[in-house]
Amino acid sequence: MRKLVFLLPLAGLLVGGPALAADTVGGVVAHTDLSMGTITIVGGGTYRVSEPRLLRNVAPGEHVIITKNDNNTIGLQEDSNFSDGSGQNAY
């Protein structure tokens, strides 16, 4: 019985784990608006990031990954996996 009591909370964590997953969108930056905290992706829409300061060093043409979390926050990071085919990163 003691083992069952211990395993039930653990099972709840395993079942709930996938619910914490985030959606990601990758793309090329078309425009940023620091005052509005938004970033526009070519052909992908406009997103309001949760931390507008993240937009300070983002320029049009850069490849980024936008993360939409289940708690309605939106994050941003540089896409370090992007390559222009030359064998070097495009930055």
N, C-alpha and C. Protein backbone atom coordinates (compact mmCIF):
# COMPACT_ATOMS: atom_id res chain seq x y z
N MET A 1 0.82 -1.20 0.00
CA MET A 1 0.00 0.00 0.00
C MET A 1 0.86 1.26 0.00
N ARG A 2 1.98 1.21 0.76
CA ARG A 2 2.85 2.37 0.80
C ARG A 2 3.43 2.69 -0.57
N LYS A 3 3.77 1.67 -1.33
CA LYS A 3 4.32 1.88 -2.67
C LYS A 3 3.30 2.53 -3.58
N LEU A 4 2.06 2.15 -3.47
CA LEU A 4 1.00 2.72 -4.30
C LEU A 4 0.82 4.20 -3.98
N VAL A 5 0.85 4.56 -2.72
CA VAL A 5 0.71 5.96 -2.32
C VAL A 5 1.86 6.79 -2.88
N PHE A 6 3.04 6.22 -2.92
CA PHE A 6 4.21 6.93 -3.46
C PHE A 6 4.13 7.06 -4.98
N LEU A 7 3.65 6.05 -5.66
CA LEU A 7 3.64 6.04 -7.11
C LEU A 7 2.53 6.89 -7.72
N LEU A 8 1.43 7.09 -7.02
CA LEU A 8 0.33 7.87 -7.58
C LEU A 8 0.72 9.31 -7.92
N PRO A 9 1.40 10.05 -7.03
CA PRO A 9 1.83 11.40 -7.42
C PRO A 9 2.82 11.39 -8.58
N LEU A 10 3.69 10.40 -8.61
CA LEU A 10 4.66 10.28 -9.70
C LEU A 10 3.94 10.03 -11.03
N ALA A 11 2.93 9.20 -11.02
CA ALA A 11 2.15 8.93 -12.23
C ALA A 11 1.45 10.21 -12.70
N GLY A 12 0.98 11.02 -11.78
CA GLY A 12 0.35 12.29 -12.15
C GLY A 12 1.31 13.21 -12.85
N LEU A 13 2.56 13.23 -12.41
CA LEU A 13 3.57 14.06 -13.07
C LEU A 13 3.86 13.56 -14.48
N LEU A 14 3.92 12.26 -14.65
CA LEU A 14 4.20 11.70 -15.98
C LEU A 14 3.07 11.97 -16.95
N VAL A 15 1.85 11.87 -16.50
CA VAL A 15 0.69 12.13 -17.36
C VAL A 15 0.59 13.61 -17.69
N GLY A 16 0.89 14.48 -16.74
CA GLY A 16 0.77 15.91 -16.94
C GLY A 16 1.93 16.52 -17.70
N GLY A 17 3.02 15.79 -17.86
CA GLY A 17 4.21 16.32 -18.52
C GLY A 17 3.96 16.85 -19.91
N PRO A 18 3.32 16.11 -20.80
CA PRO A 18 3.09 16.61 -22.15
C PRO A 18 2.25 17.89 -22.19
N ALA A 19 1.46 18.13 -21.18
CA ALA A 19 0.63 19.33 -21.16
C ALA A 19 1.47 20.59 -20.98
N LEU A 20 2.71 20.43 -20.54
CA LEU A 20 3.57 21.57 -20.31
C LEU A 20 4.40 21.93 -21.54
N ALA A 21 4.21 21.22 -22.62
CA ALA A 21 4.98 21.46 -23.84
C ALA A 21 4.64 22.81 -24.45
N ALA A 22 5.59 23.36 -25.19
CA ALA A 22 5.40 24.65 -25.83
C ALA A 22 5.37 24.48 -27.35
N ASP A 23 4.68 25.40 -28.01
CA ASP A 23 4.68 25.43 -29.47
C ASP A 23 5.80 26.37 -29.92
N THR A 24 6.47 25.99 -30.99
CA THR A 24 7.53 26.85 -31.51
C THR A 24 7.28 27.17 -32.97
N VAL A 25 7.70 28.36 -33.36
CA VAL A 25 7.60 28.83 -34.73
C VAL A 25 8.95 29.41 -35.09
N GLY A 26 9.52 28.95 -36.19
CA GLY A 26 10.78 29.50 -36.66
C GLY A 26 10.55 30.33 -37.90
N GLY A 27 11.38 31.32 -38.11
CA GLY A 27 11.22 32.12 -39.30
C GLY A 27 12.22 33.25 -39.40
N VAL A 28 12.05 34.03 -40.43
CA VAL A 28 12.91 35.18 -40.72
C VAL A 28 12.20 36.45 -40.25
N VAL A 29 12.93 37.28 -39.53
CA VAL A 29 12.37 38.52 -39.00
C VAL A 29 12.10 39.50 -40.14
N ALA A 30 10.88 39.99 -40.21
CA ALA A 30 10.53 41.03 -41.17
C ALA A 30 10.61 42.41 -40.52
N HIS A 31 10.15 42.48 -39.25
CA HIS A 31 10.09 43.79 -38.57
C HIS A 31 9.99 43.57 -37.07
N THR A 32 10.60 44.47 -36.30
CA THR A 32 10.41 44.48 -34.86
C THR A 32 9.95 45.86 -34.43
N ASP A 33 9.17 45.92 -33.37
CA ASP A 33 8.71 47.19 -32.81
C ASP A 33 8.94 47.11 -31.31
N LEU A 34 10.05 47.68 -30.86
CA LEU A 34 10.42 47.62 -29.46
C LEU A 34 9.39 48.29 -28.56
N SER A 35 8.81 49.40 -29.02
CA SER A 35 7.84 50.12 -28.19
C SER A 35 6.56 49.31 -27.99
N MET A 36 6.18 48.51 -28.97
CA MET A 36 4.99 47.66 -28.85
C MET A 36 5.34 46.26 -28.35
N GLY A 37 6.62 45.91 -28.40
CA GLY A 37 7.05 44.58 -27.98
C GLY A 37 6.66 43.50 -28.96
N THR A 38 6.61 43.86 -30.26
CA THR A 38 6.18 42.89 -31.26
C THR A 38 7.29 42.56 -32.25
N ILE A 39 7.16 41.37 -32.80
CA ILE A 39 8.06 40.91 -33.85
C ILE A 39 7.20 40.31 -34.95
N THR A 40 7.51 40.66 -36.20
CA THR A 40 6.78 40.13 -37.34
C THR A 40 7.71 39.19 -38.10
N ILE A 41 7.19 38.00 -38.38
CA ILE A 41 7.93 36.99 -39.11
C ILE A 41 7.43 36.96 -40.55
N VAL A 42 8.34 36.85 -41.51
CA VAL A 42 7.97 36.78 -42.92
C VAL A 42 7.01 35.61 -43.12
N GLY A 43 5.80 35.91 -43.57
CA GLY A 43 4.79 34.90 -43.84
C GLY A 43 4.28 34.15 -42.63
N GLY A 44 4.60 34.63 -41.42
CA GLY A 44 4.24 33.88 -40.23
C GLY A 44 3.45 34.63 -39.18
N GLY A 45 3.20 35.90 -39.38
CA GLY A 45 2.41 36.64 -38.42
C GLY A 45 3.23 37.52 -37.50
N THR A 46 2.52 38.19 -36.61
CA THR A 46 3.13 39.11 -35.64
C THR A 46 2.87 38.58 -34.24
N TYR A 47 3.88 38.64 -33.41
CA TYR A 47 3.80 38.13 -32.05
C TYR A 47 4.22 39.21 -31.06
N ARG A 48 3.54 39.27 -29.93
CA ARG A 48 3.91 40.18 -28.85
C ARG A 48 4.70 39.36 -27.82
N VAL A 49 5.99 39.64 -27.71
CA VAL A 49 6.84 38.88 -26.81
C VAL A 49 6.63 39.33 -25.37
N SER A 50 6.86 38.42 -24.44
CA SER A 50 6.64 38.71 -23.03
C SER A 50 7.72 39.63 -22.46
N GLU A 51 8.91 39.58 -23.03
CA GLU A 51 10.02 40.43 -22.59
C GLU A 51 10.50 41.28 -23.78
N PRO A 52 9.92 42.47 -23.97
CA PRO A 52 10.28 43.30 -25.13
C PRO A 52 11.77 43.61 -25.25
N ARG A 53 12.51 43.58 -24.14
CA ARG A 53 13.95 43.85 -24.20
C ARG A 53 14.69 42.83 -25.07
N LEU A 54 14.07 41.66 -25.27
CA LEU A 54 14.67 40.64 -26.13
C LEU A 54 14.77 41.09 -27.58
N LEU A 55 13.99 42.09 -27.95
CA LEU A 55 13.97 42.57 -29.33
C LEU A 55 15.09 43.56 -29.64
N ARG A 56 15.82 44.01 -28.64
CA ARG A 56 16.83 45.07 -28.82
C ARG A 56 17.86 44.75 -29.91
N ASN A 57 18.34 43.53 -29.94
CA ASN A 57 19.41 43.18 -30.89
C ASN A 57 18.92 42.31 -32.04
N VAL A 58 17.64 42.33 -32.30
CA VAL A 58 17.08 41.53 -33.39
C VAL A 58 16.86 42.43 -34.60
N ALA A 59 17.38 42.01 -35.74
CA ALA A 59 17.29 42.82 -36.95
C ALA A 59 16.54 42.06 -38.04
N PRO A 60 15.89 42.79 -38.95
CA PRO A 60 15.25 42.12 -40.09
C PRO A 60 16.25 41.24 -40.83
N GLY A 61 15.78 40.08 -41.25
CA GLY A 61 16.62 39.13 -41.96
C GLY A 61 17.19 38.03 -41.07
N GLU A 62 17.19 38.24 -39.76
CA GLU A 62 17.70 37.22 -38.84
C GLU A 62 16.71 36.08 -38.73
N HIS A 63 17.23 34.91 -38.44
CA HIS A 63 16.40 33.73 -38.22
C HIS A 63 16.20 33.55 -36.72
N VAL A 64 14.95 33.42 -36.31
CA VAL A 64 14.63 33.31 -34.89
C VAL A 64 13.67 32.15 -34.65
N ILE A 65 13.55 31.79 -33.38
CA ILE A 65 12.57 30.81 -32.94
C ILE A 65 11.69 31.49 -31.91
N ILE A 66 10.40 31.45 -32.12
CA ILE A 66 9.43 32.02 -31.19
C ILE A 66 8.76 30.87 -30.47
N THR A 67 8.70 30.97 -29.15
CA THR A 67 8.11 29.92 -28.33
C THR A 67 6.84 30.44 -27.69
N LYS A 68 5.73 29.74 -27.96
CA LYS A 68 4.44 30.08 -27.35
C LYS A 68 4.17 29.04 -26.27
N ASN A 69 4.24 29.48 -25.00
CA ASN A 69 4.08 28.59 -23.87
C ASN A 69 2.61 28.45 -23.47
N ASP A 70 2.32 27.37 -22.75
CA ASP A 70 0.96 27.13 -22.28
C ASP A 70 0.46 28.20 -21.32
N ASN A 71 1.37 28.91 -20.65
CA ASN A 71 0.95 29.95 -19.72
C ASN A 71 0.79 31.31 -20.41
N ASN A 72 0.67 31.29 -21.73
CA ASN A 72 0.43 32.47 -22.56
C ASN A 72 1.60 33.44 -22.64
N THR A 73 2.80 32.99 -22.30
CA THR A 73 3.97 33.83 -22.51
C THR A 73 4.59 33.47 -23.85
N ILE A 74 5.25 34.45 -24.45
CA ILE A 74 5.90 34.23 -25.75
C ILE A 74 7.35 34.64 -25.62
N GLY A 75 8.24 33.68 -25.92
CA GLY A 75 9.67 33.92 -25.84
C GLY A 75 10.30 33.97 -27.21
N LEU A 76 11.54 34.39 -27.26
CA LEU A 76 12.24 34.59 -28.52
C LEU A 76 13.70 34.21 -28.33
N GLN A 77 14.26 33.54 -29.34
CA GLN A 77 15.69 33.25 -29.33
C GLN A 77 16.21 33.20 -30.75
N GLU A 78 17.50 33.45 -30.88
CA GLU A 78 18.17 33.36 -32.18
C GLU A 78 18.20 31.89 -32.59
N ASP A 79 17.98 31.62 -33.87
CA ASP A 79 18.01 30.26 -34.38
C ASP A 79 19.46 29.91 -34.71
N SER A 80 20.16 29.31 -33.76
CA SER A 80 21.57 29.00 -33.94
C SER A 80 21.79 27.81 -34.88
N ASN A 81 20.73 27.09 -35.22
CA ASN A 81 20.85 25.95 -36.13
C ASN A 81 20.74 26.35 -37.59
N PHE A 82 20.39 27.59 -37.87
CA PHE A 82 20.22 28.02 -39.24
C PHE A 82 21.56 28.14 -39.94
N SER A 83 21.60 27.64 -41.14
CA SER A 83 22.80 27.75 -41.97
C SER A 83 22.39 28.13 -43.38
N ASP A 84 23.19 28.92 -44.05
CA ASP A 84 22.88 29.33 -45.41
C ASP A 84 23.41 28.33 -46.44
N GLY A 85 23.93 27.19 -45.98
CA GLY A 85 24.44 26.16 -46.88
C GLY A 85 25.92 26.26 -47.13
N SER A 86 26.57 27.26 -46.59
CA SER A 86 28.01 27.45 -46.82
C SER A 86 28.85 26.66 -45.83
N GLY A 87 28.22 26.00 -44.88
CA GLY A 87 28.97 25.28 -43.85
C GLY A 87 29.24 26.14 -42.64
N GLN A 88 28.84 27.39 -42.68
CA GLN A 88 29.00 28.30 -41.56
C GLN A 88 27.63 28.86 -41.21
N ASN A 89 27.47 29.31 -39.96
CA ASN A 89 26.22 29.97 -39.60
C ASN A 89 26.09 31.24 -40.42
N ALA A 90 24.86 31.62 -40.69
CA ALA A 90 24.60 32.76 -41.55
C ALA A 90 24.83 34.09 -40.86
N TYR A 91 25.20 34.09 -39.59
CA TYR A 91 25.37 35.36 -38.86
C TYR A 91 26.78 35.85 -38.95
